[in-house]
Amino acid sequence: MSDELDFRMTDLEERLASADGAKVRSDILNKLTASGENISKKINTGLPPEEFEKAQVVYQGLAAAHEIMSVFPVEKQK
């Protein structure tokens, strides 16, 4: 790919494109999983309706981020 087309907008994209990209992605996936499990436990123990709705939105966001990060291209470690 030409340098002109190799554009990244965020620090995260830069980190994922680095030589440590696979580890960066793995660390992020682990954090997303742990956060999702934490929210899920709170949902399952029972929350007031307003907090329950917020927790569901956060959980869905974490799941979506995990799905995207799972397929995001990274630099393979050499």
N, C-alpha and C. Protein backbone atom coordinates (compact mmCIF):
# COMPACT_ATOMS: atom_id res chain seq x y z
N MET A 1 0.86 -1.17 0.00
CA MET A 1 0.00 0.00 0.00
C MET A 1 0.90 1.23 0.00
N SER A 2 0.54 2.21 -0.76
CA SER A 2 1.35 3.43 -0.79
C SER A 2 1.21 4.16 0.53
N ASP A 3 2.24 4.97 0.84
CA ASP A 3 2.21 5.73 2.09
C ASP A 3 1.04 6.68 2.14
N GLU A 4 0.58 7.17 0.99
CA GLU A 4 -0.54 8.10 0.95
C GLU A 4 -1.83 7.44 1.41
N LEU A 5 -1.98 6.14 1.19
CA LEU A 5 -3.19 5.43 1.56
C LEU A 5 -3.10 4.79 2.94
N ASP A 6 -1.93 4.79 3.52
CA ASP A 6 -1.71 4.18 4.83
C ASP A 6 -1.98 5.22 5.91
N PHE A 7 -3.26 5.53 6.13
CA PHE A 7 -3.69 6.60 7.02
C PHE A 7 -4.40 6.04 8.23
N ARG A 8 -4.00 6.50 9.40
CA ARG A 8 -4.66 6.11 10.64
C ARG A 8 -5.10 7.36 11.38
N MET A 9 -6.29 7.33 11.93
CA MET A 9 -6.84 8.52 12.58
C MET A 9 -6.57 8.57 14.07
N THR A 10 -6.39 7.43 14.71
CA THR A 10 -6.30 7.44 16.16
C THR A 10 -5.02 6.78 16.66
N ASP A 11 -4.70 7.07 17.90
CA ASP A 11 -3.57 6.44 18.56
C ASP A 11 -3.77 4.92 18.61
N LEU A 12 -4.99 4.50 18.82
CA LEU A 12 -5.28 3.06 18.87
C LEU A 12 -4.94 2.40 17.54
N GLU A 13 -5.32 3.01 16.45
CA GLU A 13 -4.99 2.45 15.14
C GLU A 13 -3.47 2.36 14.95
N GLU A 14 -2.77 3.37 15.41
CA GLU A 14 -1.30 3.35 15.33
C GLU A 14 -0.74 2.19 16.14
N ARG A 15 -1.26 2.01 17.35
CA ARG A 15 -0.78 0.92 18.21
C ARG A 15 -1.09 -0.44 17.61
N LEU A 16 -2.26 -0.59 17.01
CA LEU A 16 -2.63 -1.87 16.39
C LEU A 16 -1.78 -2.15 15.15
N ALA A 17 -1.31 -1.12 14.48
CA ALA A 17 -0.49 -1.28 13.29
C ALA A 17 0.98 -1.49 13.62
N SER A 18 1.35 -1.31 14.88
CA SER A 18 2.75 -1.46 15.28
C SER A 18 3.14 -2.93 15.31
N ALA A 19 4.42 -3.16 15.54
CA ALA A 19 4.92 -4.55 15.63
C ALA A 19 4.26 -5.31 16.77
N ASP A 20 3.77 -4.59 17.78
CA ASP A 20 3.09 -5.22 18.93
C ASP A 20 1.57 -5.25 18.76
N GLY A 21 1.08 -5.05 17.55
CA GLY A 21 -0.36 -4.95 17.29
C GLY A 21 -1.16 -6.13 17.81
N ALA A 22 -0.64 -7.34 17.63
CA ALA A 22 -1.38 -8.52 18.07
C ALA A 22 -1.53 -8.53 19.60
N LYS A 23 -0.48 -8.12 20.31
CA LYS A 23 -0.56 -8.07 21.77
C LYS A 23 -1.50 -6.96 22.21
N VAL A 24 -1.45 -5.82 21.54
CA VAL A 24 -2.34 -4.70 21.87
C VAL A 24 -3.78 -5.16 21.73
N ARG A 25 -4.08 -5.83 20.61
CA ARG A 25 -5.45 -6.31 20.39
C ARG A 25 -5.85 -7.31 21.46
N SER A 26 -4.97 -8.24 21.78
CA SER A 26 -5.25 -9.25 22.80
C SER A 26 -5.54 -8.59 24.15
N ASP A 27 -4.74 -7.60 24.52
CA ASP A 27 -4.95 -6.90 25.78
C ASP A 27 -6.31 -6.20 25.80
N ILE A 28 -6.65 -5.56 24.69
CA ILE A 28 -7.94 -4.86 24.61
C ILE A 28 -9.09 -5.86 24.69
N LEU A 29 -8.98 -6.96 23.98
CA LEU A 29 -10.04 -7.98 24.02
C LEU A 29 -10.21 -8.51 25.44
N ASN A 30 -9.11 -8.72 26.14
CA ASN A 30 -9.19 -9.19 27.53
C ASN A 30 -9.91 -8.17 28.42
N LYS A 31 -9.59 -6.89 28.23
CA LYS A 31 -10.25 -5.84 29.03
C LYS A 31 -11.74 -5.76 28.70
N LEU A 32 -12.08 -5.87 27.42
CA LEU A 32 -13.49 -5.82 27.03
C LEU A 32 -14.25 -7.01 27.61
N THR A 33 -13.63 -8.18 27.58
CA THR A 33 -14.25 -9.38 28.13
C THR A 33 -14.47 -9.23 29.63
N ALA A 34 -13.44 -8.79 30.34
CA ALA A 34 -13.56 -8.63 31.79
C ALA A 34 -14.62 -7.58 32.14
N SER A 35 -14.65 -6.49 31.41
CA SER A 35 -15.65 -5.45 31.67
C SER A 35 -17.05 -5.97 31.39
N GLY A 36 -17.20 -6.73 30.31
CA GLY A 36 -18.50 -7.32 29.98
C GLY A 36 -18.97 -8.28 31.05
N GLU A 37 -18.05 -9.09 31.55
CA GLU A 37 -18.41 -10.03 32.62
C GLU A 37 -18.82 -9.29 33.89
N ASN A 38 -18.13 -8.21 34.19
CA ASN A 38 -18.46 -7.41 35.37
C ASN A 38 -19.86 -6.81 35.25
N ILE A 39 -20.16 -6.23 34.11
CA ILE A 39 -21.49 -5.64 33.88
C ILE A 39 -22.56 -6.73 33.91
N SER A 40 -22.27 -7.87 33.30
CA SER A 40 -23.22 -8.97 33.27
C SER A 40 -23.57 -9.44 34.68
N LYS A 41 -22.57 -9.52 35.54
CA LYS A 41 -22.81 -9.92 36.94
C LYS A 41 -23.74 -8.93 37.63
N LYS A 42 -23.49 -7.64 37.39
CA LYS A 42 -24.34 -6.61 38.00
C LYS A 42 -25.77 -6.72 37.48
N ILE A 43 -25.92 -6.96 36.19
CA ILE A 43 -27.26 -7.12 35.60
C ILE A 43 -27.96 -8.32 36.22
N ASN A 44 -27.24 -9.42 36.37
CA ASN A 44 -27.84 -10.65 36.89
C ASN A 44 -28.17 -10.61 38.37
N THR A 45 -27.51 -9.72 39.12
CA THR A 45 -27.81 -9.63 40.55
C THR A 45 -29.01 -8.74 40.81
N GLY A 46 -29.42 -8.01 39.79
CA GLY A 46 -30.59 -7.15 39.92
C GLY A 46 -30.20 -5.70 40.14
N LEU A 47 -30.75 -4.86 39.34
CA LEU A 47 -30.51 -3.42 39.42
C LEU A 47 -31.83 -2.68 39.33
N PRO A 48 -31.88 -1.47 39.86
CA PRO A 48 -33.08 -0.65 39.66
C PRO A 48 -33.29 -0.44 38.15
N PRO A 49 -34.53 -0.27 37.72
CA PRO A 49 -34.83 -0.17 36.28
C PRO A 49 -33.94 0.81 35.51
N GLU A 50 -33.72 2.00 36.07
CA GLU A 50 -32.91 3.00 35.35
C GLU A 50 -31.47 2.52 35.18
N GLU A 51 -30.90 1.94 36.21
CA GLU A 51 -29.54 1.43 36.13
C GLU A 51 -29.47 0.20 35.25
N PHE A 52 -30.52 -0.62 35.27
CA PHE A 52 -30.56 -1.82 34.44
C PHE A 52 -30.48 -1.43 32.96
N GLU A 53 -31.24 -0.44 32.57
CA GLU A 53 -31.23 0.00 31.17
C GLU A 53 -29.85 0.51 30.77
N LYS A 54 -29.23 1.31 31.63
CA LYS A 54 -27.89 1.83 31.35
C LYS A 54 -26.88 0.68 31.26
N ALA A 55 -26.98 -0.26 32.16
CA ALA A 55 -26.06 -1.40 32.17
C ALA A 55 -26.21 -2.23 30.89
N GLN A 56 -27.43 -2.39 30.42
CA GLN A 56 -27.65 -3.13 29.18
C GLN A 56 -27.00 -2.43 28.00
N VAL A 57 -27.12 -1.11 27.95
CA VAL A 57 -26.51 -0.34 26.86
C VAL A 57 -24.99 -0.48 26.91
N VAL A 58 -24.43 -0.37 28.10
CA VAL A 58 -22.98 -0.52 28.25
C VAL A 58 -22.56 -1.92 27.82
N TYR A 59 -23.29 -2.93 28.26
CA TYR A 59 -22.97 -4.31 27.90
C TYR A 59 -23.01 -4.51 26.39
N GLN A 60 -24.04 -3.99 25.75
CA GLN A 60 -24.15 -4.11 24.29
C GLN A 60 -23.00 -3.39 23.59
N GLY A 61 -22.61 -2.23 24.12
CA GLY A 61 -21.48 -1.50 23.55
C GLY A 61 -20.18 -2.27 23.68
N LEU A 62 -19.97 -2.87 24.84
CA LEU A 62 -18.77 -3.69 25.04
C LEU A 62 -18.76 -4.89 24.09
N ALA A 63 -19.91 -5.51 23.91
CA ALA A 63 -19.99 -6.66 23.01
C ALA A 63 -19.70 -6.23 21.57
N ALA A 64 -20.22 -5.09 21.16
CA ALA A 64 -19.97 -4.59 19.81
C ALA A 64 -18.49 -4.25 19.63
N ALA A 65 -17.89 -3.61 20.63
CA ALA A 65 -16.47 -3.28 20.55
C ALA A 65 -15.63 -4.55 20.47
N HIS A 66 -16.01 -5.57 21.22
CA HIS A 66 -15.29 -6.85 21.19
C HIS A 66 -15.38 -7.48 19.79
N GLU A 67 -16.56 -7.44 19.21
CA GLU A 67 -16.76 -8.02 17.88
C GLU A 67 -15.89 -7.30 16.84
N ILE A 68 -15.87 -5.99 16.90
CA ILE A 68 -15.07 -5.21 15.95
C ILE A 68 -13.59 -5.46 16.18
N MET A 69 -13.16 -5.40 17.42
CA MET A 69 -11.74 -5.58 17.72
C MET A 69 -11.26 -6.99 17.34
N SER A 70 -12.15 -7.98 17.42
CA SER A 70 -11.79 -9.36 17.08
C SER A 70 -11.37 -9.51 15.63
N VAL A 71 -11.90 -8.68 14.77
CA VAL A 71 -11.59 -8.80 13.34
C VAL A 71 -10.74 -7.66 12.82
N PHE A 72 -10.38 -6.70 13.68
CA PHE A 72 -9.59 -5.56 13.24
C PHE A 72 -8.20 -6.04 12.85
N PRO A 73 -7.73 -5.66 11.68
CA PRO A 73 -6.41 -6.13 11.22
C PRO A 73 -5.28 -5.56 12.09
N VAL A 74 -4.33 -6.41 12.44
CA VAL A 74 -3.18 -5.98 13.23
C VAL A 74 -1.90 -6.48 12.57
N GLU A 75 -0.81 -5.86 12.96
CA GLU A 75 0.50 -6.31 12.51
C GLU A 75 0.83 -7.59 13.28
N LYS A 76 1.16 -8.62 12.57
CA LYS A 76 1.52 -9.88 13.22
C LYS A 76 2.92 -9.77 13.80
N GLN A 77 3.12 -10.35 14.97
CA GLN A 77 4.44 -10.33 15.57
C GLN A 77 5.39 -11.18 14.75
N LYS A 78 6.60 -10.69 14.63
CA LYS A 78 7.60 -11.41 13.80
C LYS A 78 8.51 -12.24 14.65
